[in-house]
Amino acid sequence: MTIQDWLNIFRKYNDIKIFHINHLKLITSLNDHALRVSLSRLSKNNSFKRICRGFYANPFNMPTLEEISSQIYQPSYISLESALSSYGILSQIPQVLTCITTQLPHTFKTSFGTIEYRQVKRACFWGFIEKNTYLMAEKEKALVDYLYLSKNKDRKHKLSILNYDEINLKKIKRYLRKMNMVNIASMIREK
């Protein structure tokens, strides 16, 4: 396939931002070897971007790192420092996108940025909202995840650097109880 053939395919499917190699195999009918060689050439030619192993970005509809996070490791939702920072609860800007999953922890270094997945039990995988094409923790759940995955000795410090202005403290305490973290609920200061 020529570069122009590939560009025509990506243009035809411009509503799709992220392609998995299996999708491209179905669309093109190329065998594994021919497809990998062709994709490697395209990537080297800068005609399109390889996200990470097996995933490719549509050059006519580039995905965001948040959209990529929901596709390459499922199930997952954005939480922890990334969600807290986006809500203005944490003033630091994280260098990686942090997500929650029920799968084993994993870090992906993509061409768009680094995504870190932290594991929680299936019973703790809740409290997120849909934002366009990805999931993000509610403010309160992002904080609870943040505390849940931090070491006991770090929790007091982590609580002291947060901006509580936009947080529903009663909801946080309810979420902490739901996740069997009652001892931490007493650490949350009331306004």
C-alpha atoms as a PDB file:
ATOM      1  CA  MET A   1       0.000   0.000   0.000  1.00  0.00           C
ATOM      2  CA  THR A   2       1.197   3.488  -0.795  1.00  0.00           C
ATOM      3  CA  ILE A   3       1.212   6.403   1.622  1.00  0.00           C
ATOM      4  CA  GLN A   4      -1.678   7.892  -0.324  1.00  0.00           C
ATOM      5  CA  ASP A   5      -3.680   4.642   0.112  1.00  0.00           C
ATOM      6  CA  TRP A   6      -3.107   4.849   3.859  1.00  0.00           C
ATOM      7  CA  LEU A   7      -4.053   8.517   4.000  1.00  0.00           C
ATOM      8  CA  ASN A   8      -7.246   7.716   2.106  1.00  0.00           C
ATOM      9  CA  ILE A   9      -8.092   5.036   4.694  1.00  0.00           C
ATOM     10  CA  PHE A  10      -7.466   7.400   7.612  1.00  0.00           C
ATOM     11  CA  ARG A  11      -9.478  10.132   5.901  1.00  0.00           C
ATOM     12  CA  LYS A  12     -12.348   7.695   5.242  1.00  0.00           C
ATOM     13  CA  TYR A  13     -12.403   6.718   8.930  1.00  0.00           C
ATOM     14  CA  ASN A  14     -11.716  10.198  10.289  1.00  0.00           C
ATOM     15  CA  ASP A  15     -14.338   9.695  13.035  1.00  0.00           C
ATOM     16  CA  ILE A  16     -11.997   7.099  14.591  1.00  0.00           C
ATOM     17  CA  LYS A  17      -9.132   8.641  16.548  1.00  0.00           C
ATOM     18  CA  ILE A  18      -7.313   5.487  17.654  1.00  0.00           C
ATOM     19  CA  PHE A  19      -6.772   2.362  15.599  1.00  0.00           C
ATOM     20  CA  HIS A  20      -5.687  -0.958  17.016  1.00  0.00           C
ATOM     21  CA  ILE A  21      -3.559  -3.067  14.709  1.00  0.00           C
ATOM     22  CA  ASN A  22      -6.369  -5.645  14.496  1.00  0.00           C
ATOM     23  CA  HIS A  23      -8.750  -2.979  13.179  1.00  0.00           C
ATOM     24  CA  LEU A  24      -6.221  -1.981  10.533  1.00  0.00           C
ATOM     25  CA  LYS A  25      -5.770  -5.623   9.596  1.00  0.00           C
ATOM     26  CA  LEU A  26      -9.525  -5.956   8.972  1.00  0.00           C
ATOM     27  CA  ILE A  27      -9.752  -2.680   7.043  1.00  0.00           C
ATOM     28  CA  THR A  28      -6.769  -3.366   4.777  1.00  0.00           C
ATOM     29  CA  SER A  29      -6.884  -7.180   4.490  1.00  0.00           C
ATOM     30  CA  LEU A  30      -3.075  -7.196   4.742  1.00  0.00           C
ATOM     31  CA  ASN A  31      -1.360 -10.137   6.431  1.00  0.00           C
ATOM     32  CA  ASP A  32       0.465  -9.535   9.717  1.00  0.00           C
ATOM     33  CA  HIS A  33       3.923  -9.129   8.225  1.00  0.00           C
ATOM     34  CA  ALA A  34       2.872  -6.818   5.381  1.00  0.00           C
ATOM     35  CA  LEU A  35       0.816  -4.695   7.779  1.00  0.00           C
ATOM     36  CA  ARG A  36       3.638  -4.295  10.285  1.00  0.00           C
ATOM     37  CA  VAL A  37       6.139  -3.380   7.572  1.00  0.00           C
ATOM     38  CA  SER A  38       3.729  -0.875   6.067  1.00  0.00           C
ATOM     39  CA  LEU A  39       2.936   0.698   9.460  1.00  0.00           C
ATOM     40  CA  SER A  40       6.626   0.911  10.315  1.00  0.00           C
ATOM     41  CA  ARG A  41       7.332   2.756   7.057  1.00  0.00           C
ATOM     42  CA  LEU A  42       4.438   5.129   7.617  1.00  0.00           C
ATOM     43  CA  SER A  43       5.609   5.880  11.127  1.00  0.00           C
ATOM     44  CA  LYS A  44       9.195   6.537  10.008  1.00  0.00           C
ATOM     45  CA  ASN A  45       7.874   8.766   7.222  1.00  0.00           C
ATOM     46  CA  ASN A  46       5.916  10.803   9.831  1.00  0.00           C
ATOM     47  CA  SER A  47       2.725  10.194   7.864  1.00  0.00           C
ATOM     48  CA  PHE A  48       1.022   9.154  11.075  1.00  0.00           C
ATOM     49  CA  LYS A  49       1.839   8.522  14.709  1.00  0.00           C
ATOM     50  CA  ARG A  50       2.309   5.230  16.501  1.00  0.00           C
ATOM     51  CA  ILE A  51       0.880   5.672  20.002  1.00  0.00           C
ATOM     52  CA  CYS A  52       2.350   2.562  21.602  1.00  0.00           C
ATOM     53  CA  ARG A  53       2.599  -1.100  20.725  1.00  0.00           C
ATOM     54  CA  GLY A  54      -0.425  -2.056  18.635  1.00  0.00           C
ATOM     55  CA  PHE A  55      -2.125   1.371  18.672  1.00  0.00           C
ATOM     56  CA  TYR A  56      -1.998   4.130  16.069  1.00  0.00           C
ATOM     57  CA  ALA A  57      -3.387   7.675  15.900  1.00  0.00           C
ATOM     58  CA  ASN A  58      -5.474   8.915  12.999  1.00  0.00           C
ATOM     59  CA  PRO A  59      -3.553  11.860  11.476  1.00  0.00           C
ATOM     60  CA  PHE A  60      -6.867  13.480  10.501  1.00  0.00           C
ATOM     61  CA  ASN A  61      -8.341  13.286  13.999  1.00  0.00           C
ATOM     62  CA  MET A  62      -5.596  13.168  16.618  1.00  0.00           C
ATOM     63  CA  PRO A  63      -6.551  11.839  20.063  1.00  0.00           C
ATOM     64  CA  THR A  64      -5.697  13.452  23.385  1.00  0.00           C
ATOM     65  CA  LEU A  65      -3.673  11.618  26.003  1.00  0.00           C
ATOM     66  CA  GLU A  66      -6.875  11.246  28.031  1.00  0.00           C
ATOM     67  CA  GLU A  67      -8.641   9.557  25.115  1.00  0.00           C
ATOM     68  CA  ILE A  68      -5.666   7.281  24.584  1.00  0.00           C
ATOM     69  CA  SER A  69      -5.694   6.247  28.260  1.00  0.00           C
ATOM     70  CA  SER A  70      -9.200   4.823  27.978  1.00  0.00           C
ATOM     71  CA  GLN A  71      -8.362   2.765  24.890  1.00  0.00           C
ATOM     72  CA  ILE A  72      -4.995   1.140  25.552  1.00  0.00           C
ATOM     73  CA  TYR A  73      -5.719  -0.378  28.991  1.00  0.00           C
ATOM     74  CA  GLN A  74      -9.262  -1.241  30.000  1.00  0.00           C
ATOM     75  CA  PRO A  75     -11.139  -0.826  32.209  1.00  0.00           C
ATOM     76  CA  SER A  76      -9.706   2.457  33.446  1.00  0.00           C
ATOM     77  CA  TYR A  77     -10.573   5.974  34.463  1.00  0.00           C
ATOM     78  CA  ILE A  78      -8.452   9.078  35.055  1.00  0.00           C
ATOM     79  CA  SER A  79      -7.966   9.754  38.751  1.00  0.00           C
ATOM     80  CA  LEU A  80      -5.381  10.501  41.427  1.00  0.00           C
ATOM     81  CA  GLU A  81      -3.027  13.462  40.795  1.00  0.00           C
ATOM     82  CA  SER A  82      -4.253  14.016  37.229  1.00  0.00           C
ATOM     83  CA  ALA A  83      -7.923  14.371  38.183  1.00  0.00           C
ATOM     84  CA  LEU A  84      -7.130  16.330  41.353  1.00  0.00           C
ATOM     85  CA  SER A  85      -4.978  18.744  39.365  1.00  0.00           C
ATOM     86  CA  SER A  86      -7.596  19.207  36.635  1.00  0.00           C
ATOM     87  CA  TYR A  87     -10.215  20.014  39.295  1.00  0.00           C
ATOM     88  CA  GLY A  88      -7.871  22.520  40.995  1.00  0.00           C
ATOM     89  CA  ILE A  89      -7.709  20.482  44.207  1.00  0.00           C
ATOM     90  CA  LEU A  90      -3.991  19.803  43.814  1.00  0.00           C
ATOM     91  CA  SER A  91      -1.852  22.742  42.694  1.00  0.00           C
ATOM     92  CA  GLN A  92       0.956  20.604  41.280  1.00  0.00           C
ATOM     93  CA  ILE A  93       0.771  19.654  37.605  1.00  0.00           C
ATOM     94  CA  PRO A  94       1.576  15.953  37.216  1.00  0.00           C
ATOM     95  CA  GLN A  95       4.170  14.872  34.662  1.00  0.00           C
ATOM     96  CA  VAL A  96       2.236  11.685  33.846  1.00  0.00           C
ATOM     97  CA  LEU A  97      -1.454  10.946  33.360  1.00  0.00           C
ATOM     98  CA  THR A  98      -2.583   8.842  36.328  1.00  0.00           C
ATOM     99  CA  CYS A  99      -5.400   6.338  35.990  1.00  0.00           C
ATOM    100  CA  ILE A 100      -7.158   3.664  38.014  1.00  0.00           C
ATOM    101  CA  THR A 101      -7.708   0.132  36.726  1.00  0.00           C
ATOM    102  CA  THR A 102      -8.720  -3.269  38.061  1.00  0.00           C
ATOM    103  CA  GLN A 103      -5.895  -4.837  36.075  1.00  0.00           C
ATOM    104  CA  LEU A 104      -2.271  -5.096  37.153  1.00  0.00           C
ATOM    105  CA  PRO A 105      -0.438  -1.766  37.477  1.00  0.00           C
ATOM    106  CA  HIS A 106       1.281  -0.695  34.282  1.00  0.00           C
ATOM    107  CA  THR A 107       3.030   2.328  32.788  1.00  0.00           C
ATOM    108  CA  PHE A 108       2.829   3.145  29.082  1.00  0.00           C
ATOM    109  CA  LYS A 109       5.291   5.546  27.526  1.00  0.00           C
ATOM    110  CA  THR A 110       3.367   6.702  24.471  1.00  0.00           C
ATOM    111  CA  SER A 111       4.354   9.180  21.788  1.00  0.00           C
ATOM    112  CA  PHE A 112       1.755  11.529  23.351  1.00  0.00           C
ATOM    113  CA  GLY A 113       2.995  11.215  26.958  1.00  0.00           C
ATOM    114  CA  THR A 114       3.281   8.764  29.822  1.00  0.00           C
ATOM    115  CA  ILE A 115       0.224   7.073  31.323  1.00  0.00           C
ATOM    116  CA  GLU A 116       0.444   5.325  34.678  1.00  0.00           C
ATOM    117  CA  TYR A 117      -2.247   2.850  35.725  1.00  0.00           C
ATOM    118  CA  ARG A 118      -2.657   2.019  39.409  1.00  0.00           C
ATOM    119  CA  GLN A 119      -4.665  -1.000  40.537  1.00  0.00           C
ATOM    120  CA  VAL A 120      -7.657  -1.100  42.873  1.00  0.00           C
ATOM    121  CA  LYS A 121      -9.939  -3.971  43.810  1.00  0.00           C
ATOM    122  CA  ARG A 122     -12.974  -4.420  41.578  1.00  0.00           C
ATOM    123  CA  ALA A 123     -15.184  -3.367  44.521  1.00  0.00           C
ATOM    124  CA  CYS A 124     -13.420   0.037  44.544  1.00  0.00           C
ATOM    125  CA  PHE A 125     -13.818   0.663  40.804  1.00  0.00           C
ATOM    126  CA  TRP A 126     -16.638   3.247  40.789  1.00  0.00           C
ATOM    127  CA  GLY A 127     -17.180   6.990  41.236  1.00  0.00           C
ATOM    128  CA  PHE A 128     -16.339   8.233  37.755  1.00  0.00           C
ATOM    129  CA  ILE A 129     -18.123  10.277  35.108  1.00  0.00           C
ATOM    130  CA  GLU A 130     -18.017  10.103  31.340  1.00  0.00           C
ATOM    131  CA  LYS A 131     -16.225  12.995  29.660  1.00  0.00           C
ATOM    132  CA  ASN A 132     -16.582  12.738  25.895  1.00  0.00           C
ATOM    133  CA  THR A 133     -14.728   9.509  25.091  1.00  0.00           C
ATOM    134  CA  TYR A 134     -13.027   8.755  28.406  1.00  0.00           C
ATOM    135  CA  LEU A 135     -13.876   8.339  32.077  1.00  0.00           C
ATOM    136  CA  MET A 136     -12.711  10.616  34.896  1.00  0.00           C
ATOM    137  CA  ALA A 137     -13.103  10.231  38.635  1.00  0.00           C
ATOM    138  CA  GLU A 138     -15.484  12.563  40.422  1.00  0.00           C
ATOM    139  CA  LYS A 139     -13.585  15.112  42.531  1.00  0.00           C
ATOM    140  CA  GLU A 140     -14.309  13.265  45.738  1.00  0.00           C
ATOM    141  CA  LYS A 141     -13.497   9.824  44.326  1.00  0.00           C
ATOM    142  CA  ALA A 142     -10.182  11.101  42.926  1.00  0.00           C
ATOM    143  CA  LEU A 143      -9.276  12.236  46.444  1.00  0.00           C
ATOM    144  CA  VAL A 144     -10.365   8.938  47.983  1.00  0.00           C
ATOM    145  CA  ASP A 145      -8.348   7.003  45.360  1.00  0.00           C
ATOM    146  CA  TYR A 146      -5.371   9.264  46.129  1.00  0.00           C
ATOM    147  CA  LEU A 147      -5.596   8.436  49.833  1.00  0.00           C
ATOM    148  CA  TYR A 148      -6.418   4.761  49.261  1.00  0.00           C
ATOM    149  CA  LEU A 149      -3.242   4.209  47.235  1.00  0.00           C
ATOM    150  CA  SER A 150      -0.926   6.263  49.453  1.00  0.00           C
ATOM    151  CA  LYS A 151       1.056   4.898  52.365  1.00  0.00           C
ATOM    152  CA  ASN A 152      -0.339   5.506  55.860  1.00  0.00           C
ATOM    153  CA  LYS A 153       2.555   7.782  56.840  1.00  0.00           C
ATOM    154  CA  ASP A 154       2.033  10.027  53.770  1.00  0.00           C
ATOM    155  CA  ARG A 155      -1.723  10.547  54.118  1.00  0.00           C
ATOM    156  CA  LYS A 156      -1.618  13.394  56.638  1.00  0.00           C
ATOM    157  CA  HIS A 157       0.826  15.348  54.470  1.00  0.00           C
ATOM    158  CA  LYS A 158      -1.186  14.654  51.313  1.00  0.00           C
ATOM    159  CA  LEU A 159      -4.343  15.929  53.003  1.00  0.00           C
ATOM    160  CA  SER A 160      -2.573  19.131  54.105  1.00  0.00           C
ATOM    161  CA  ILE A 161      -1.625  20.220  50.555  1.00  0.00           C
ATOM    162  CA  LEU A 162      -5.104  19.941  49.065  1.00  0.00           C
ATOM    163  CA  ASN A 163      -7.573  22.740  48.305  1.00  0.00           C
ATOM    164  CA  TYR A 164     -10.899  21.725  49.852  1.00  0.00           C
ATOM    165  CA  ASP A 165     -12.952  24.653  48.494  1.00  0.00           C
ATOM    166  CA  GLU A 166     -14.602  22.697  45.680  1.00  0.00           C
ATOM    167  CA  ILE A 167     -15.005  19.376  47.505  1.00  0.00           C
ATOM    168  CA  ASN A 168     -18.107  17.962  49.160  1.00  0.00           C
ATOM    169  CA  LEU A 169     -16.655  16.780  52.478  1.00  0.00           C
ATOM    170  CA  LYS A 170     -19.723  14.734  53.419  1.00  0.00           C
ATOM    171  CA  LYS A 171     -19.454  12.879  50.107  1.00  0.00           C
ATOM    172  CA  ILE A 172     -15.754  12.186  50.735  1.00  0.00           C
ATOM    173  CA  LYS A 173     -16.497  10.741  54.152  1.00  0.00           C
ATOM    174  CA  ARG A 174     -19.277   8.596  52.666  1.00  0.00           C
ATOM    175  CA  TYR A 175     -16.855   7.350  49.971  1.00  0.00           C
ATOM    176  CA  LEU A 176     -14.152   6.643  52.566  1.00  0.00           C
ATOM    177  CA  ARG A 177     -16.605   4.538  54.576  1.00  0.00           C
ATOM    178  CA  LYS A 178     -17.670   2.705  51.408  1.00  0.00           C
ATOM    179  CA  MET A 179     -14.009   1.799  50.789  1.00  0.00           C
ATOM    180  CA  ASN A 180     -13.457   0.719  54.435  1.00  0.00           C
ATOM    181  CA  MET A 181     -11.227   3.708  55.193  1.00  0.00           C
ATOM    182  CA  VAL A 182     -13.133   4.949  58.254  1.00  0.00           C
ATOM    183  CA  ASN A 183      -9.903   5.805  60.102  1.00  0.00           C
ATOM    184  CA  ILE A 184      -9.042   8.345  57.395  1.00  0.00           C
ATOM    185  CA  ALA A 185     -12.490   9.945  57.500  1.00  0.00           C
ATOM    186  CA  SER A 186     -11.593  11.395  60.902  1.00  0.00           C
ATOM    187  CA  MET A 187      -8.534  13.077  59.352  1.00  0.00           C
ATOM    188  CA  ILE A 188     -10.669  15.108  56.924  1.00  0.00           C
ATOM    189  CA  ARG A 189     -11.195  18.545  58.409  1.00  0.00           C
ATOM    190  CA  GLU A 190     -14.631  20.087  58.447  1.00  0.00           C
ATOM    191  CA  LYS A 191     -15.087  23.601  57.143  1.00  0.00           C
END
